[in-house]
Structures are given as C-alpha cells and as structure tokens.
Amino acid sequence: MTNSKSVVILGAGAWGSALATLAKANDHKVHIWSRRSSRTLEKLVEDADIIVSAVSMKGVRDVVSQLQGLPLSPEIIFLTATKGLDPQTTCTPSQIWQEAFPNHPVVVLSGPNLSQEIQQELPAATVVASNVTSAAEVVQLVFSSNRFRVYTNADPLGVELGGTLKNVMAIAAGVCDGLQLGTNAKAALLTRGLTEMVRIGVHWGAKQETFYGLSGLGDLLATGNSPLSRNYQVGYQLACGKSLTEILTHLQGTAEGINTTKVLMLRSKQQNISMPITEQVYHLLQAEVTPQQALLELMLRDIKPEYNE
C-alpha cells in the first residue's frame, strides 16, 4: 500500500495483538512493545508515525513517563485504546496523554471490539475520535478494512467514556445472567445502564449523542451480552457465588470495570451525580451486599418518570 505508516503498539496483551493484526493486514510496519520486549522503547519509536497505547489503566502513567524522556518526532500521533479511569485523578487515558504531550494530536479508539472475535477475523466496527480531525482520519485509514469498519468522531471524551462506563454495566449484566433473571430484566438493566452512562458522561462534558453510537450503546450491547467480556465474567461469577478474589485469580487480563466503579463512586460523592446501578455494583464488589440484595435495592427505588431526571 502507498503511504505505509510505522505503528508502535505499547502492550502485548489480547487487545494490543488484535490491533497489531489489523494494521499489519493493511501492510503497515508494526512493532509491539511490552515490558518484556528485547528492543528498547527508544529504538522502536525512532521512526514511529503512530504510537498506540493498549496497556491497562494502571500501566498508562508508567509508559507516558518513559516516553516523555525520549526524543519524539513532532509529527507523531498518539492513539489510546485503554478503557479506564485514573484512580488518583479520575482522568481518562487520553487526558493523561494530552497533558503529557500537549503539542501532539491524541486520538481515542473505542467500540464493540471483543479482541478474540477480531483475531478470528469476524467483522466489527469501531470509532476513532480526536479534537484534530486530520489525525483521526490518518488512524481511520490505518485500521480500516473490509472486516473492520472505522468511523471518525469529534467527541473524544464521549467516545472514551462510552467504552469506560459500559464496563461497569457489563458487570451488572453478568450478574443479571448469573442470577437467571430473564430477558425482560436484562433489557431493562441495559437500557437504564445506558441512561446512567449518558448522565455521567454529559456531566463530565461529553456529548449526549455519542453514547448512542458504537462506543456507547454498541460497546454496551457487546460486553453486556458476551461471556468473552472479562467484566461480564466478573458479574456472572459473583452471581454464581464465587468471591471476587477467587474470580480474579483465574481471570486472564484485567477487568477494568472494577477500578472504574471505585473511581466513579469517588466522583459521584464529589459532584453529586446519581448513579444507582454503579452504586450497587460497587457495594457488590466490596462484598457489602449479595447479588440478590443489590437487585432488590434497584427494584425498590422510588418510582418516577422515565425521563424527568
């Protein structure tokens, strides 16, 4: 292909590997870096056009600080594909990247993208969002193919929060299925979950309509209905009577929804945002209530109009 890019992917987990597969399929030059890499980060980023962050939330600040000490080309685009919130500052990953590299465009990638399905070459779609339209369009071209459709968006915060907040709802959805509550309950939960995501996101400064797109509703439907989702698995197994410690011992990879729930509760108290589902997920993760008690709390809330909030 003409205009081949050099793409460095930070993070060799399932998600980083899936993104590498997509870029390689378009004949881009791809390097994957992890802590165990034999090549140094400095060597890899020398000629990079795009640096993709696919590390877990807890690893973001570490890789940011490593890169800050390196001589980087001013043309480099940073692409963040991490879904989570910083426990210390409640910042999103893109806010951390943008603060560290104020003169570089930062693009967010998020959508209903279960990495296992992407590796199996099943069709999927995603969103790339940035305040710099041209940067989002460059990334769009790098990853787009006949099996991976990439849309651009001008609301990076909304796209990022959609992918982050739905992890909490995916835990709740897993609980719903683990308790075998049926289709009606699941539909109600996901719908009210989306309402809660919109409420939190708009309060944060995101655009409401973004949450009805691929990175909000789309991702919620994927992870709220799939055993491939780690967050769904956490909820499902809690409902089946396992302890969180037991679940996490056998879980491959990070269930970002656990940390996100804690951060959201902090934000809820600071800014008085109503988030009843998140609150019950938090109490459940803290082992303060059983899955059945959490359900009862949600069902017995004061009755009210659907949209008069």
C-alpha atoms as a PDB file:
ATOM      1  CA  MET A   1       0.000   0.000   0.000  1.00  0.00           C
ATOM      2  CA  THR A   2       1.132   3.551  -0.551  1.00  0.00           C
ATOM      3  CA  ASN A   3       1.642   5.804   2.435  1.00  0.00           C
ATOM      4  CA  SER A   4       2.600   2.933   4.735  1.00  0.00           C
ATOM      5  CA  LYS A   5       2.888   4.025   8.369  1.00  0.00           C
ATOM      6  CA  SER A   6       5.146   2.886  11.165  1.00  0.00           C
ATOM      7  CA  VAL A   7       2.928   1.859  14.067  1.00  0.00           C
ATOM      8  CA  VAL A   8       4.293   1.082  17.540  1.00  0.00           C
ATOM      9  CA  ILE A   9       1.866  -0.708  19.835  1.00  0.00           C
ATOM     10  CA  LEU A  10       2.506  -0.483  23.571  1.00  0.00           C
ATOM     11  CA  GLY A  11       1.041  -3.575  25.212  1.00  0.00           C
ATOM     12  CA  ALA A  12       1.309  -7.168  24.032  1.00  0.00           C
ATOM     13  CA  GLY A  13      -1.985  -8.392  25.506  1.00  0.00           C
ATOM     14  CA  ALA A  14      -5.001  -9.622  23.538  1.00  0.00           C
ATOM     15  CA  TRP A  15      -6.137  -6.096  22.592  1.00  0.00           C
ATOM     16  CA  GLY A  16      -2.703  -4.854  21.532  1.00  0.00           C
ATOM     17  CA  SER A  17      -2.209  -8.015  19.471  1.00  0.00           C
ATOM     18  CA  ALA A  18      -5.614  -7.605  17.793  1.00  0.00           C
ATOM     19  CA  LEU A  19      -4.811  -4.004  16.820  1.00  0.00           C
ATOM     20  CA  ALA A  20      -1.426  -5.141  15.507  1.00  0.00           C
ATOM     21  CA  THR A  21      -3.138  -7.759  13.320  1.00  0.00           C
ATOM     22  CA  LEU A  22      -5.447  -5.114  11.820  1.00  0.00           C
ATOM     23  CA  ALA A  23      -2.624  -2.673  10.991  1.00  0.00           C
ATOM     24  CA  LYS A  24      -0.410  -5.444   9.585  1.00  0.00           C
ATOM     25  CA  ALA A  25      -3.233  -6.607   7.305  1.00  0.00           C
ATOM     26  CA  ASN A  26      -3.079  -3.138   5.685  1.00  0.00           C
ATOM     27  CA  ASP A  27       0.680  -3.523   5.095  1.00  0.00           C
ATOM     28  CA  HIS A  28       1.758  -1.067   7.775  1.00  0.00           C
ATOM     29  CA  LYS A  29       5.031  -1.585   9.606  1.00  0.00           C
ATOM     30  CA  VAL A  30       4.039  -2.730  13.101  1.00  0.00           C
ATOM     31  CA  HIS A  31       6.131  -3.205  16.243  1.00  0.00           C
ATOM     32  CA  ILE A  32       4.700  -4.435  19.539  1.00  0.00           C
ATOM     33  CA  TRP A  33       6.427  -3.361  22.750  1.00  0.00           C
ATOM     34  CA  SER A  34       5.890  -4.708  26.247  1.00  0.00           C
ATOM     35  CA  ARG A  35       7.972  -4.673  29.416  1.00  0.00           C
ATOM     36  CA  ARG A  36       9.441  -7.978  28.293  1.00  0.00           C
ATOM     37  CA  SER A  37      10.472  -6.691  24.846  1.00  0.00           C
ATOM     38  CA  SER A  38      14.090  -7.207  23.874  1.00  0.00           C
ATOM     39  CA  ARG A  39      14.189  -3.924  21.930  1.00  0.00           C
ATOM     40  CA  THR A  40      14.194  -0.658  23.847  1.00  0.00           C
ATOM     41  CA  LEU A  41      11.292   1.749  23.601  1.00  0.00           C
ATOM     42  CA  GLU A  42      13.656   4.476  22.383  1.00  0.00           C
ATOM     43  CA  LYS A  43      14.760   2.341  19.421  1.00  0.00           C
ATOM     44  CA  LEU A  44      11.191   1.402  18.460  1.00  0.00           C
ATOM     45  CA  VAL A  45       9.727   4.911  18.483  1.00  0.00           C
ATOM     46  CA  GLU A  46      12.572   6.487  16.467  1.00  0.00           C
ATOM     47  CA  ASP A  47      10.666   6.302  13.175  1.00  0.00           C
ATOM     48  CA  ALA A  48       7.121   5.916  14.544  1.00  0.00           C
ATOM     49  CA  ASP A  49       4.200   7.704  12.901  1.00  0.00           C
ATOM     50  CA  ILE A  50       1.609   6.404  15.364  1.00  0.00           C
ATOM     51  CA  ILE A  51       2.145   5.251  18.956  1.00  0.00           C
ATOM     52  CA  VAL A  52      -0.753   3.104  20.167  1.00  0.00           C
ATOM     53  CA  SER A  53      -1.318   2.675  23.890  1.00  0.00           C
ATOM     54  CA  ALA A  54      -3.039  -0.665  24.559  1.00  0.00           C
ATOM     55  CA  VAL A  55      -1.792  -1.112  28.132  1.00  0.00           C
ATOM     56  CA  SER A  56      -4.109  -1.498  31.119  1.00  0.00           C
ATOM     57  CA  MET A  57      -5.113   1.649  33.024  1.00  0.00           C
ATOM     58  CA  LYS A  58      -2.574   1.027  35.784  1.00  0.00           C
ATOM     59  CA  GLY A  59       0.245   0.938  33.209  1.00  0.00           C
ATOM     60  CA  VAL A  60      -0.629   4.203  31.416  1.00  0.00           C
ATOM     61  CA  ARG A  61       1.303   6.676  33.580  1.00  0.00           C
ATOM     62  CA  ASP A  62       4.372   4.443  33.524  1.00  0.00           C
ATOM     63  CA  VAL A  63       4.602   4.299  29.697  1.00  0.00           C
ATOM     64  CA  VAL A  64       3.788   8.017  29.438  1.00  0.00           C
ATOM     65  CA  SER A  65       6.710   8.885  31.733  1.00  0.00           C
ATOM     66  CA  GLN A  66       9.043   6.566  29.791  1.00  0.00           C
ATOM     67  CA  LEU A  67       8.130   8.256  26.504  1.00  0.00           C
ATOM     68  CA  GLN A  68       8.421  11.774  27.935  1.00  0.00           C
ATOM     69  CA  GLY A  69      12.152  11.315  28.278  1.00  0.00           C
ATOM     70  CA  LEU A  70      12.645  10.322  24.630  1.00  0.00           C
ATOM     71  CA  PRO A  71      13.289  12.487  21.549  1.00  0.00           C
ATOM     72  CA  LEU A  72       9.999  12.096  19.652  1.00  0.00           C
ATOM     73  CA  SER A  73       9.135  13.405  16.198  1.00  0.00           C
ATOM     74  CA  PRO A  74       6.651  16.314  16.451  1.00  0.00           C
ATOM     75  CA  GLU A  75       4.536  14.538  13.802  1.00  0.00           C
ATOM     76  CA  ILE A  76       3.751  11.503  15.979  1.00  0.00           C
ATOM     77  CA  ILE A  77       0.077  10.766  16.623  1.00  0.00           C
ATOM     78  CA  PHE A  78      -0.823   9.122  19.941  1.00  0.00           C
ATOM     79  CA  LEU A  79      -3.681   6.627  19.809  1.00  0.00           C
ATOM     80  CA  THR A  80      -5.126   5.447  23.118  1.00  0.00           C
ATOM     81  CA  ALA A  81      -7.105   2.211  23.242  1.00  0.00           C
ATOM     82  CA  THR A  82      -7.267   1.866  27.048  1.00  0.00           C
ATOM     83  CA  LYS A  83     -10.668   1.807  28.759  1.00  0.00           C
ATOM     84  CA  GLY A  84     -10.464   3.029  32.340  1.00  0.00           C
ATOM     85  CA  LEU A  85     -10.064   5.951  34.752  1.00  0.00           C
ATOM     86  CA  ASP A  86      -7.027   7.009  36.744  1.00  0.00           C
ATOM     87  CA  PRO A  87      -7.697   6.209  40.433  1.00  0.00           C
ATOM     88  CA  GLN A  88      -5.687   9.205  41.695  1.00  0.00           C
ATOM     89  CA  THR A  89      -7.028  11.975  39.443  1.00  0.00           C
ATOM     90  CA  THR A  90     -10.179  10.412  37.859  1.00  0.00           C
ATOM     91  CA  CYS A  91      -8.673  11.441  34.485  1.00  0.00           C
ATOM     92  CA  THR A  92      -9.304   9.430  31.326  1.00  0.00           C
ATOM     93  CA  PRO A  93      -6.301   7.923  29.483  1.00  0.00           C
ATOM     94  CA  SER A  94      -6.470  10.499  26.663  1.00  0.00           C
ATOM     95  CA  GLN A  95      -6.398  13.340  29.209  1.00  0.00           C
ATOM     96  CA  ILE A  96      -3.208  11.858  30.676  1.00  0.00           C
ATOM     97  CA  TRP A  97      -1.631  11.542  27.202  1.00  0.00           C
ATOM     98  CA  GLN A  98      -2.693  15.048  26.147  1.00  0.00           C
ATOM     99  CA  GLU A  99      -1.354  16.626  29.334  1.00  0.00           C
ATOM    100  CA  ALA A 100       1.995  14.884  28.827  1.00  0.00           C
ATOM    101  CA  PHE A 101       2.186  15.674  25.086  1.00  0.00           C
ATOM    102  CA  PRO A 102       0.249  18.938  24.598  1.00  0.00           C
ATOM    103  CA  ASN A 103       1.655  19.559  21.102  1.00  0.00           C
ATOM    104  CA  HIS A 104       0.754  16.132  19.696  1.00  0.00           C
ATOM    105  CA  PRO A 105      -2.665  15.025  18.462  1.00  0.00           C
ATOM    106  CA  VAL A 106      -4.261  12.368  20.674  1.00  0.00           C
ATOM    107  CA  VAL A 107      -6.845  10.003  19.173  1.00  0.00           C
ATOM    108  CA  VAL A 108      -9.171   7.687  21.115  1.00  0.00           C
ATOM    109  CA  LEU A 109     -10.197   4.283  19.708  1.00  0.00           C
ATOM    110  CA  SER A 110     -13.233   2.586  21.233  1.00  0.00           C
ATOM    111  CA  GLY A 111     -16.106   0.389  20.143  1.00  0.00           C
ATOM    112  CA  PRO A 112     -17.733  -3.033  20.440  1.00  0.00           C
ATOM    113  CA  ASN A 113     -14.425  -4.799  19.827  1.00  0.00           C
ATOM    114  CA  LEU A 114     -14.015  -8.096  21.653  1.00  0.00           C
ATOM    115  CA  SER A 115     -10.389  -8.897  20.824  1.00  0.00           C
ATOM    116  CA  GLN A 116     -10.973 -12.637  20.457  1.00  0.00           C
ATOM    117  CA  GLU A 117     -13.517 -12.078  17.665  1.00  0.00           C
ATOM    118  CA  ILE A 118     -11.202  -9.634  15.886  1.00  0.00           C
ATOM    119  CA  GLN A 119      -8.387 -12.190  15.990  1.00  0.00           C
ATOM    120  CA  GLN A 120     -10.838 -14.695  14.430  1.00  0.00           C
ATOM    121  CA  GLU A 121     -11.328 -12.160  11.595  1.00  0.00           C
ATOM    122  CA  LEU A 122     -15.024 -11.702  12.359  1.00  0.00           C
ATOM    123  CA  PRO A 123     -16.483  -8.371  11.151  1.00  0.00           C
ATOM    124  CA  ALA A 124     -16.530  -5.435  13.564  1.00  0.00           C
ATOM    125  CA  ALA A 125     -16.748  -1.635  13.667  1.00  0.00           C
ATOM    126  CA  THR A 126     -15.140   0.981  15.871  1.00  0.00           C
ATOM    127  CA  VAL A 127     -14.798   4.733  16.400  1.00  0.00           C
ATOM    128  CA  VAL A 128     -11.672   6.907  16.368  1.00  0.00           C
ATOM    129  CA  ALA A 129     -12.146  10.325  17.918  1.00  0.00           C
ATOM    130  CA  SER A 130      -9.953  13.390  18.265  1.00  0.00           C
ATOM    131  CA  ASN A 131     -10.053  17.157  18.517  1.00  0.00           C
ATOM    132  CA  VAL A 132      -7.722  17.073  15.499  1.00  0.00           C
ATOM    133  CA  THR A 133      -9.840  15.745  12.619  1.00  0.00           C
ATOM    134  CA  SER A 134      -6.885  15.033  10.329  1.00  0.00           C
ATOM    135  CA  ALA A 135      -5.253  12.813  12.999  1.00  0.00           C
ATOM    136  CA  ALA A 136      -8.454  10.770  13.403  1.00  0.00           C
ATOM    137  CA  GLU A 137      -8.603  10.367   9.603  1.00  0.00           C
ATOM    138  CA  VAL A 138      -4.992   9.094   9.464  1.00  0.00           C
ATOM    139  CA  VAL A 139      -5.789   6.479  12.123  1.00  0.00           C
ATOM    140  CA  GLN A 140      -9.039   5.597  10.327  1.00  0.00           C
ATOM    141  CA  LEU A 141      -7.094   4.715   7.169  1.00  0.00           C
ATOM    142  CA  VAL A 142      -4.501   2.663   9.062  1.00  0.00           C
ATOM    143  CA  PHE A 143      -7.044   0.316  10.660  1.00  0.00           C
ATOM    144  CA  SER A 144      -9.988   0.265   8.197  1.00  0.00           C
ATOM    145  CA  SER A 145     -10.596  -2.880   6.165  1.00  0.00           C
ATOM    146  CA  ASN A 146     -13.417  -4.991   4.766  1.00  0.00           C
ATOM    147  CA  ARG A 147     -13.711  -6.691   8.160  1.00  0.00           C
ATOM    148  CA  PHE A 148     -13.072  -3.708  10.420  1.00  0.00           C
ATOM    149  CA  ARG A 149     -15.097  -0.578   9.724  1.00  0.00           C
ATOM    150  CA  VAL A 150     -13.726   2.584  11.359  1.00  0.00           C
ATOM    151  CA  TYR A 151     -15.793   5.742  11.872  1.00  0.00           C
ATOM    152  CA  THR A 152     -14.403   9.134  12.940  1.00  0.00           C
ATOM    153  CA  ASN A 153     -15.924  11.293  15.674  1.00  0.00           C
ATOM    154  CA  ALA A 154     -15.182  14.769  17.047  1.00  0.00           C
ATOM    155  CA  ASP A 155     -16.056  13.965  20.699  1.00  0.00           C
ATOM    156  CA  PRO A 156     -13.026  12.098  22.098  1.00  0.00           C
ATOM    157  CA  LEU A 157     -14.204  12.415  25.711  1.00  0.00           C
ATOM    158  CA  GLY A 158     -17.607  10.897  24.905  1.00  0.00           C
ATOM    159  CA  VAL A 159     -16.104   8.060  22.864  1.00  0.00           C
ATOM    160  CA  GLU A 160     -13.633   7.310  25.645  1.00  0.00           C
ATOM    161  CA  LEU A 161     -16.217   7.459  28.430  1.00  0.00           C
ATOM    162  CA  GLY A 162     -18.614   5.244  26.468  1.00  0.00           C
ATOM    163  CA  GLY A 163     -16.020   2.480  26.388  1.00  0.00           C
ATOM    164  CA  THR A 164     -15.099   3.028  30.031  1.00  0.00           C
ATOM    165  CA  LEU A 165     -18.507   3.391  31.690  1.00  0.00           C
ATOM    166  CA  LYS A 166     -20.030   0.393  29.927  1.00  0.00           C
ATOM    167  CA  ASN A 167     -17.557  -1.872  31.772  1.00  0.00           C
ATOM    168  CA  VAL A 168     -19.450  -1.191  34.997  1.00  0.00           C
ATOM    169  CA  MET A 169     -22.750  -2.022  33.278  1.00  0.00           C
ATOM    170  CA  ALA A 170     -21.201  -5.205  31.848  1.00  0.00           C
ATOM    171  CA  ILE A 171     -20.515  -6.386  35.412  1.00  0.00           C
ATOM    172  CA  ALA A 172     -24.175  -5.709  36.252  1.00  0.00           C
ATOM    173  CA  ALA A 173     -25.276  -7.540  33.077  1.00  0.00           C
ATOM    174  CA  GLY A 174     -23.182 -10.558  34.077  1.00  0.00           C
ATOM    175  CA  VAL A 175     -24.903 -10.571  37.469  1.00  0.00           C
ATOM    176  CA  CYS A 176     -28.274 -10.429  35.726  1.00  0.00           C
ATOM    177  CA  ASP A 177     -27.464 -13.512  33.627  1.00  0.00           C
ATOM    178  CA  GLY A 178     -25.777 -15.337  36.526  1.00  0.00           C
ATOM    179  CA  LEU A 179     -28.970 -14.947  38.577  1.00  0.00           C
ATOM    180  CA  GLN A 180     -31.006 -16.100  35.519  1.00  0.00           C
ATOM    181  CA  LEU A 181     -33.313 -13.102  35.761  1.00  0.00           C
ATOM    182  CA  GLY A 182     -34.527 -13.381  32.156  1.00  0.00           C
ATOM    183  CA  THR A 183     -34.704 -11.228  29.037  1.00  0.00           C
ATOM    184  CA  ASN A 184     -37.055  -8.563  30.412  1.00  0.00           C
ATOM    185  CA  ALA A 185     -34.758  -7.798  33.326  1.00  0.00           C
ATOM    186  CA  LYS A 186     -31.663  -7.743  31.100  1.00  0.00           C
ATOM    187  CA  ALA A 187     -33.302  -5.350  28.622  1.00  0.00           C
ATOM    188  CA  ALA A 188     -34.357  -3.040  31.454  1.00  0.00           C
ATOM    189  CA  LEU A 189     -30.910  -3.147  33.043  1.00  0.00           C
ATOM    190  CA  LEU A 190     -29.013  -2.323  29.833  1.00  0.00           C
ATOM    191  CA  THR A 191     -31.453   0.474  28.953  1.00  0.00           C
ATOM    192  CA  ARG A 192     -31.215   2.076  32.386  1.00  0.00           C
ATOM    193  CA  GLY A 193     -27.471   1.436  32.298  1.00  0.00           C
ATOM    194  CA  LEU A 194     -27.214   3.487  29.117  1.00  0.00           C
ATOM    195  CA  THR A 195     -29.250   6.284  30.743  1.00  0.00           C
ATOM    196  CA  GLU A 196     -26.789   6.278  33.641  1.00  0.00           C
ATOM    197  CA  MET A 197     -23.805   6.348  31.264  1.00  0.00           C
ATOM    198  CA  VAL A 198     -25.320   9.367  29.459  1.00  0.00           C
ATOM    199  CA  ARG A 199     -25.985  11.165  32.751  1.00  0.00           C
ATOM    200  CA  ILE A 200     -22.404  10.678  33.969  1.00  0.00           C
ATOM    201  CA  GLY A 201     -20.879  11.468  30.568  1.00  0.00           C
ATOM    202  CA  VAL A 202     -22.830  14.684  29.968  1.00  0.00           C
ATOM    203  CA  HIS A 203     -21.964  15.850  33.488  1.00  0.00           C
ATOM    204  CA  TRP A 204     -18.318  15.177  32.594  1.00  0.00           C
ATOM    205  CA  GLY A 205     -18.586  17.329  29.450  1.00  0.00           C
ATOM    206  CA  ALA A 206     -19.239  14.735  26.730  1.00  0.00           C
ATOM    207  CA  LYS A 207     -21.953  14.969  24.059  1.00  0.00           C
ATOM    208  CA  GLN A 208     -25.132  13.000  24.708  1.00  0.00           C
ATOM    209  CA  GLU A 209     -25.467  11.643  21.152  1.00  0.00           C
ATOM    210  CA  THR A 210     -22.028   9.985  21.321  1.00  0.00           C
ATOM    211  CA  PHE A 211     -23.382   7.468  23.847  1.00  0.00           C
ATOM    212  CA  TYR A 212     -25.992   6.256  21.343  1.00  0.00           C
ATOM    213  CA  GLY A 213     -23.205   5.308  18.919  1.00  0.00           C
ATOM    214  CA  LEU A 214     -20.758   2.422  18.648  1.00  0.00           C
ATOM    215  CA  SER A 215     -18.574   3.370  21.606  1.00  0.00           C
ATOM    216  CA  GLY A 216     -21.531   3.696  23.981  1.00  0.00           C
ATOM    217  CA  LEU A 217     -24.603   1.630  23.131  1.00  0.00           C
ATOM    218  CA  GLY A 218     -22.631  -0.572  20.717  1.00  0.00           C
ATOM    219  CA  ASP A 219     -19.983  -1.499  23.255  1.00  0.00           C
ATOM    220  CA  LEU A 220     -22.609  -1.905  25.989  1.00  0.00           C
ATOM    221  CA  LEU A 221     -24.509  -4.440  23.871  1.00  0.00           C
ATOM    222  CA  ALA A 222     -21.326  -6.378  23.054  1.00  0.00           C
ATOM    223  CA  THR A 223     -19.868  -6.610  26.544  1.00  0.00           C
ATOM    224  CA  GLY A 224     -23.224  -6.828  28.320  1.00  0.00           C
ATOM    225  CA  ASN A 225     -24.115  -9.968  26.365  1.00  0.00           C
ATOM    226  CA  SER A 226     -20.835 -11.817  25.852  1.00  0.00           C
ATOM    227  CA  PRO A 227     -19.005 -14.322  28.056  1.00  0.00           C
ATOM    228  CA  LEU A 228     -15.878 -13.146  26.163  1.00  0.00           C
ATOM    229  CA  SER A 229     -16.074  -9.920  28.188  1.00  0.00           C
ATOM    230  CA  ARG A 230     -13.970 -10.055  31.350  1.00  0.00           C
ATOM    231  CA  ASN A 231     -16.243  -7.572  33.116  1.00  0.00           C
ATOM    232  CA  TYR A 232     -19.306  -9.665  32.254  1.00  0.00           C
ATOM    233  CA  GLN A 233     -17.475 -12.735  33.622  1.00  0.00           C
ATOM    234  CA  VAL A 234     -16.803 -10.965  36.932  1.00  0.00           C
ATOM    235  CA  GLY A 235     -20.515 -10.197  37.378  1.00  0.00           C
ATOM    236  CA  TYR A 236     -21.659 -13.629  36.215  1.00  0.00           C
ATOM    237  CA  GLN A 237     -19.337 -15.487  38.568  1.00  0.00           C
ATOM    238  CA  LEU A 238     -20.195 -13.216  41.527  1.00  0.00           C
ATOM    239  CA  ALA A 239     -23.855 -14.104  40.923  1.00  0.00           C
ATOM    240  CA  CYS A 240     -22.878 -17.788  40.928  1.00  0.00           C
ATOM    241  CA  GLY A 241     -21.450 -17.415  44.430  1.00  0.00           C
ATOM    242  CA  LYS A 242     -17.714 -17.003  43.793  1.00  0.00           C
ATOM    243  CA  SER A 243     -15.692 -14.397  45.679  1.00  0.00           C
ATOM    244  CA  LEU A 244     -14.021 -11.556  43.789  1.00  0.00           C
ATOM    245  CA  THR A 245     -10.573 -12.786  44.881  1.00  0.00           C
ATOM    246  CA  GLU A 246     -11.338 -16.249  43.523  1.00  0.00           C
ATOM    247  CA  ILE A 247     -12.604 -14.833  40.212  1.00  0.00           C
ATOM    248  CA  LEU A 248      -9.597 -12.551  39.690  1.00  0.00           C
ATOM    249  CA  THR A 249      -7.169 -15.402  40.390  1.00  0.00           C
ATOM    250  CA  HIS A 250      -8.440 -17.247  37.307  1.00  0.00           C
ATOM    251  CA  LEU A 251      -9.304 -14.262  35.092  1.00  0.00           C
ATOM    252  CA  GLN A 252      -6.974 -13.704  32.152  1.00  0.00           C
ATOM    253  CA  GLY A 253      -6.289  -9.990  31.701  1.00  0.00           C
ATOM    254  CA  THR A 254      -7.767  -7.001  33.524  1.00  0.00           C
ATOM    255  CA  ALA A 255     -11.439  -6.342  34.233  1.00  0.00           C
ATOM    256  CA  GLU A 256     -11.203  -2.525  34.092  1.00  0.00           C
ATOM    257  CA  GLY A 257     -14.778  -2.126  35.357  1.00  0.00           C
ATOM    258  CA  ILE A 258     -13.681  -2.941  38.920  1.00  0.00           C
ATOM    259  CA  ASN A 259     -11.340   0.052  39.197  1.00  0.00           C
ATOM    260  CA  THR A 260     -13.730   2.233  37.155  1.00  0.00           C
ATOM    261  CA  THR A 261     -16.549   1.548  39.641  1.00  0.00           C
ATOM    262  CA  LYS A 262     -14.389   2.758  42.549  1.00  0.00           C
ATOM    263  CA  VAL A 263     -13.345   5.912  40.699  1.00  0.00           C
ATOM    264  CA  LEU A 264     -16.948   6.676  39.712  1.00  0.00           C
ATOM    265  CA  MET A 265     -18.123   6.385  43.313  1.00  0.00           C
ATOM    266  CA  LEU A 266     -15.468   8.924  44.282  1.00  0.00           C
ATOM    267  CA  ARG A 267     -16.657  11.237  41.502  1.00  0.00           C
ATOM    268  CA  SER A 268     -20.317  10.677  42.463  1.00  0.00           C
ATOM    269  CA  LYS A 269     -19.664  11.852  46.021  1.00  0.00           C
ATOM    270  CA  GLN A 270     -17.609  14.866  44.876  1.00  0.00           C
ATOM    271  CA  GLN A 271     -20.123  16.046  42.276  1.00  0.00           C
ATOM    272  CA  ASN A 272     -23.394  14.560  43.476  1.00  0.00           C
ATOM    273  CA  ILE A 273     -24.162  12.581  40.289  1.00  0.00           C
ATOM    274  CA  SER A 274     -26.915   9.966  40.595  1.00  0.00           C
ATOM    275  CA  MET A 275     -25.577   6.548  39.548  1.00  0.00           C
ATOM    276  CA  PRO A 276     -27.722   3.850  41.215  1.00  0.00           C
ATOM    277  CA  ILE A 277     -26.503   0.886  39.126  1.00  0.00           C
ATOM    278  CA  THR A 278     -22.844   1.835  39.613  1.00  0.00           C
ATOM    279  CA  GLU A 279     -23.517   2.195  43.343  1.00  0.00           C
ATOM    280  CA  GLN A 280     -24.942  -1.315  43.644  1.00  0.00           C
ATOM    281  CA  VAL A 281     -22.092  -2.780  41.566  1.00  0.00           C
ATOM    282  CA  TYR A 282     -19.671  -1.037  43.946  1.00  0.00           C
ATOM    283  CA  HIS A 283     -21.373  -2.484  47.055  1.00  0.00           C
ATOM    284  CA  LEU A 284     -21.349  -5.916  45.426  1.00  0.00           C
ATOM    285  CA  LEU A 285     -17.638  -5.712  44.547  1.00  0.00           C
ATOM    286  CA  GLN A 286     -16.914  -4.641  48.140  1.00  0.00           C
ATOM    287  CA  ALA A 287     -18.896  -7.691  49.344  1.00  0.00           C
ATOM    288  CA  GLU A 288     -21.229  -5.341  51.246  1.00  0.00           C
ATOM    289  CA  VAL A 289     -24.333  -6.834  49.616  1.00  0.00           C
ATOM    290  CA  THR A 290     -25.259 -10.086  47.874  1.00  0.00           C
ATOM    291  CA  PRO A 291     -26.275 -10.011  44.177  1.00  0.00           C
ATOM    292  CA  GLN A 292     -29.896 -10.564  45.270  1.00  0.00           C
ATOM    293  CA  GLN A 293     -29.776  -7.615  47.706  1.00  0.00           C
ATOM    294  CA  ALA A 294     -28.293  -5.358  45.023  1.00  0.00           C
ATOM    295  CA  LEU A 295     -31.156  -6.301  42.679  1.00  0.00           C
ATOM    296  CA  LEU A 296     -33.744  -5.606  45.356  1.00  0.00           C
ATOM    297  CA  GLU A 297     -32.244  -2.165  46.047  1.00  0.00           C
ATOM    298  CA  LEU A 298     -32.617  -1.237  42.364  1.00  0.00           C
ATOM    299  CA  MET A 299     -36.160  -2.602  42.088  1.00  0.00           C
ATOM    300  CA  LEU A 300     -37.359  -0.810  45.244  1.00  0.00           C
ATOM    301  CA  ARG A 301     -36.057   2.666  44.365  1.00  0.00           C
ATOM    302  CA  ASP A 302     -38.625   5.463  44.420  1.00  0.00           C
ATOM    303  CA  ILE A 303     -40.917   5.321  41.403  1.00  0.00           C
ATOM    304  CA  LYS A 304     -40.582   8.234  38.999  1.00  0.00           C
ATOM    305  CA  PRO A 305     -40.983   9.327  35.336  1.00  0.00           C
ATOM    306  CA  GLU A 306     -38.609   7.683  32.852  1.00  0.00           C
ATOM    307  CA  TYR A 307     -37.052  10.891  31.512  1.00  0.00           C
ATOM    308  CA  ASN A 308     -37.713  13.597  34.068  1.00  0.00           C
ATOM    309  CA  GLU A 309     -34.255  13.474  35.647  1.00  0.00           C
END
